[in-house]
Amino acid sequence: MRTTETKHRPDSSRSAAAAHRGGDALLAGVIAAHAFAAGLHGVAHREHGIDLSAWQSVFVAIVVVIAPLWGAWLHWRTRARFGLVLITISMIAADVFGVALHFVVAGDDNVLSHPAWHATHPATAWLFELSAFAVFLTETAAGAVGLWCLRRRARPAS
């Protein structure tokens, strides 16, 4: 009678696939949260009458809204690395844009320079401020998770 000894060897392709799925799920959640936060922030812009310039409107439409959604579709539809790169670059660019306009550059879009909003718009001032912070957090998270996913995919299988 022959006995075979089975050694436990981790299946690196399975563990790598599980890690990719985990990163993909996290990225999907962050992109969904970003879309929600950006939508709320757009409503807040409209409520407060804060218009964007033409170039800002084009940037928001392409980089903040379309690029991450298109990147997600490419990434999950075809598993294309290009989709992951598009998500990551668009979220980092959107984050730089948002930080500059919401927290650094003086103007109507700067949430730190409008204490009078609370007196003139008591019911909606919080929406503009909170959504600006939520957009910042989700863009930062999406950029970081995108970089993490790209780094994990670049590692050779062990």
Protein backbone atom coordinates (compact mmCIF):
# COMPACT_ATOMS: atom_id res chain seq x y z
CA MET A 1 0.00 0.00 0.00
CA ARG A 2 1.34 3.31 -1.01
CA THR A 3 0.84 6.44 1.05
CA THR A 4 1.40 9.87 -0.26
CA GLU A 5 2.32 12.70 1.93
CA THR A 6 0.70 15.96 1.03
CA LYS A 7 2.62 19.05 1.89
CA HIS A 8 0.71 22.23 2.40
CA ARG A 9 1.88 24.72 -0.19
CA PRO A 10 0.11 28.00 -0.58
CA ASP A 11 -1.19 28.48 -4.06
CA SER A 12 0.39 31.79 -4.97
CA SER A 13 -1.87 32.32 -7.96
CA ARG A 14 -4.98 31.89 -5.80
CA SER A 15 -3.69 34.13 -3.02
CA ALA A 16 -2.65 36.76 -5.58
CA ALA A 17 -6.08 36.58 -7.22
CA ALA A 18 -7.79 36.93 -3.84
CA ALA A 19 -5.63 39.95 -3.03
CA HIS A 20 -6.49 41.54 -6.39
CA ARG A 21 -10.20 40.93 -5.77
CA GLY A 22 -9.89 42.48 -2.30
CA GLY A 23 -8.16 45.54 -3.72
CA ASP A 24 -10.71 45.73 -6.52
CA ALA A 25 -13.60 45.61 -4.04
CA LEU A 26 -12.01 48.32 -1.90
CA LEU A 27 -11.40 50.48 -4.97
CA ALA A 28 -14.99 49.97 -6.15
CA GLY A 29 -16.27 51.09 -2.76
CA VAL A 30 -14.09 54.18 -2.71
CA ILE A 31 -15.10 55.14 -6.27
CA ALA A 32 -18.78 54.73 -5.37
CA ALA A 33 -18.30 56.86 -2.26
CA HIS A 34 -16.48 59.47 -4.36
CA ALA A 35 -19.30 59.60 -6.91
CA PHE A 36 -21.80 60.12 -4.09
CA ALA A 37 -19.68 62.82 -2.39
CA ALA A 38 -19.03 64.62 -5.69
CA GLY A 39 -22.75 64.56 -6.48
CA LEU A 40 -23.57 66.08 -3.10
CA HIS A 41 -20.89 68.69 -3.57
CA GLY A 42 -22.33 69.59 -6.96
CA VAL A 43 -25.74 70.09 -5.33
CA ALA A 44 -24.10 72.27 -2.67
CA HIS A 45 -22.44 74.38 -5.38
CA ARG A 46 -25.82 74.92 -6.99
CA GLU A 47 -27.53 75.72 -3.65
CA HIS A 48 -24.92 78.36 -2.81
CA GLY A 49 -24.71 79.81 -6.31
CA ILE A 50 -21.00 79.01 -6.56
CA ASP A 51 -20.29 78.69 -10.26
CA LEU A 52 -17.14 77.20 -11.71
CA SER A 53 -15.22 78.85 -14.51
CA ALA A 54 -15.31 77.21 -17.94
CA TRP A 55 -11.98 75.42 -17.49
CA GLN A 56 -12.95 74.29 -13.99
CA SER A 57 -16.24 72.89 -15.30
CA VAL A 58 -14.41 70.96 -18.03
CA PHE A 59 -11.85 69.66 -15.51
CA VAL A 60 -14.57 68.51 -13.11
CA ALA A 61 -16.58 66.85 -15.86
CA ILE A 62 -13.63 64.99 -17.38
CA VAL A 63 -11.19 64.34 -14.53
CA VAL A 64 -13.42 64.23 -11.44
CA VAL A 65 -16.53 62.54 -12.88
CA ILE A 66 -15.94 60.76 -16.21
CA ALA A 67 -12.34 59.50 -15.86
CA PRO A 68 -12.76 57.47 -12.64
CA LEU A 69 -16.05 55.95 -13.84
CA TRP A 70 -14.62 55.12 -17.26
CA GLY A 71 -11.47 53.77 -15.60
CA ALA A 72 -13.59 51.57 -13.34
CA TRP A 73 -15.57 50.27 -16.31
CA LEU A 74 -12.36 49.47 -18.21
CA HIS A 75 -10.75 47.89 -15.19
CA TRP A 76 -13.62 45.60 -14.26
CA ARG A 77 -14.90 44.94 -17.75
CA THR A 78 -11.63 43.98 -19.38
CA ARG A 79 -9.32 43.77 -16.34
CA ALA A 80 -7.22 46.33 -18.18
CA ARG A 81 -4.32 47.88 -16.33
CA PHE A 82 -5.11 51.07 -18.23
CA GLY A 83 -8.37 51.40 -16.27
CA LEU A 84 -6.51 51.19 -12.98
CA VAL A 85 -3.95 53.76 -14.14
CA LEU A 86 -6.75 56.08 -15.31
CA ILE A 87 -8.52 55.84 -11.94
CA THR A 88 -5.33 56.52 -10.02
CA ILE A 89 -4.15 59.47 -12.10
CA SER A 90 -7.59 61.08 -12.27
CA MET A 91 -8.12 60.82 -8.52
CA ILE A 92 -4.69 62.26 -7.70
CA ALA A 93 -5.24 65.13 -10.17
CA ALA A 94 -8.75 65.73 -8.81
CA ASP A 95 -7.38 65.77 -5.26
CA VAL A 96 -4.77 68.41 -6.11
CA PHE A 97 -7.45 70.50 -7.86
CA GLY A 98 -9.89 70.14 -4.95
CA VAL A 99 -7.35 70.91 -2.24
CA ALA A 100 -6.24 74.04 -4.09
CA LEU A 101 -9.77 75.37 -4.63
CA HIS A 102 -11.42 74.24 -1.39
CA PHE A 103 -8.62 74.84 1.11
CA VAL A 104 -5.79 76.98 -0.33
CA VAL A 105 -6.85 79.54 -2.95
CA ALA A 106 -9.10 82.31 -1.66
CA GLY A 107 -12.46 82.50 -3.39
CA ASP A 108 -16.08 81.44 -3.28
CA ASP A 109 -15.12 77.75 -3.43
CA ASN A 110 -12.84 77.89 -0.36
CA VAL A 111 -14.68 76.26 2.55
CA LEU A 112 -12.35 77.79 5.11
CA SER A 113 -13.12 81.40 4.18
CA HIS A 114 -16.91 81.49 4.52
CA PRO A 115 -18.02 81.78 8.16
CA ALA A 116 -20.83 84.08 6.96
CA TRP A 117 -22.43 81.13 5.12
CA HIS A 118 -23.73 79.82 8.40
CA ALA A 119 -25.72 83.01 8.95
CA THR A 120 -27.03 83.34 5.39
CA HIS A 121 -27.50 79.63 4.62
CA PRO A 122 -27.96 77.92 7.99
CA ALA A 123 -29.64 74.85 6.55
CA THR A 124 -27.19 74.14 3.73
CA ALA A 125 -23.79 75.58 4.73
CA TRP A 126 -22.86 72.30 6.36
CA LEU A 127 -23.57 70.43 3.09
CA PHE A 128 -21.01 72.44 1.13
CA GLU A 129 -18.32 72.07 3.79
CA LEU A 130 -18.96 68.43 4.61
CA SER A 131 -19.18 67.39 0.96
CA ALA A 132 -15.92 69.24 0.16
CA PHE A 133 -14.16 67.29 2.92
CA ALA A 134 -15.82 64.04 1.76
CA VAL A 135 -14.64 64.66 -1.82
CA PHE A 136 -11.11 65.29 -0.51
CA LEU A 137 -11.12 62.11 1.57
CA THR A 138 -12.53 59.89 -1.18
CA GLU A 139 -10.14 61.26 -3.82
CA THR A 140 -7.19 60.74 -1.48
CA ALA A 141 -8.38 57.22 -0.66
CA ALA A 142 -9.02 56.33 -4.32
CA GLY A 143 -5.57 57.60 -5.34
CA ALA A 144 -3.90 55.66 -2.51
CA VAL A 145 -5.85 52.44 -3.17
CA GLY A 146 -5.16 52.79 -6.90
CA LEU A 147 -1.42 53.10 -6.23
CA TRP A 148 -1.59 50.12 -3.87
CA CYS A 149 -3.40 48.01 -6.50
CA LEU A 150 -0.91 49.01 -9.20
CA ARG A 151 1.99 48.13 -6.91
CA ARG A 152 0.49 44.73 -6.06
CA ARG A 153 -0.10 43.98 -9.74
CA ALA A 154 3.48 44.94 -10.62
CA ARG A 155 4.94 42.40 -8.19
CA PRO A 156 6.10 39.21 -9.82
CA ALA A 157 4.29 36.04 -8.72
CA SER A 158 6.26 34.16 -6.08
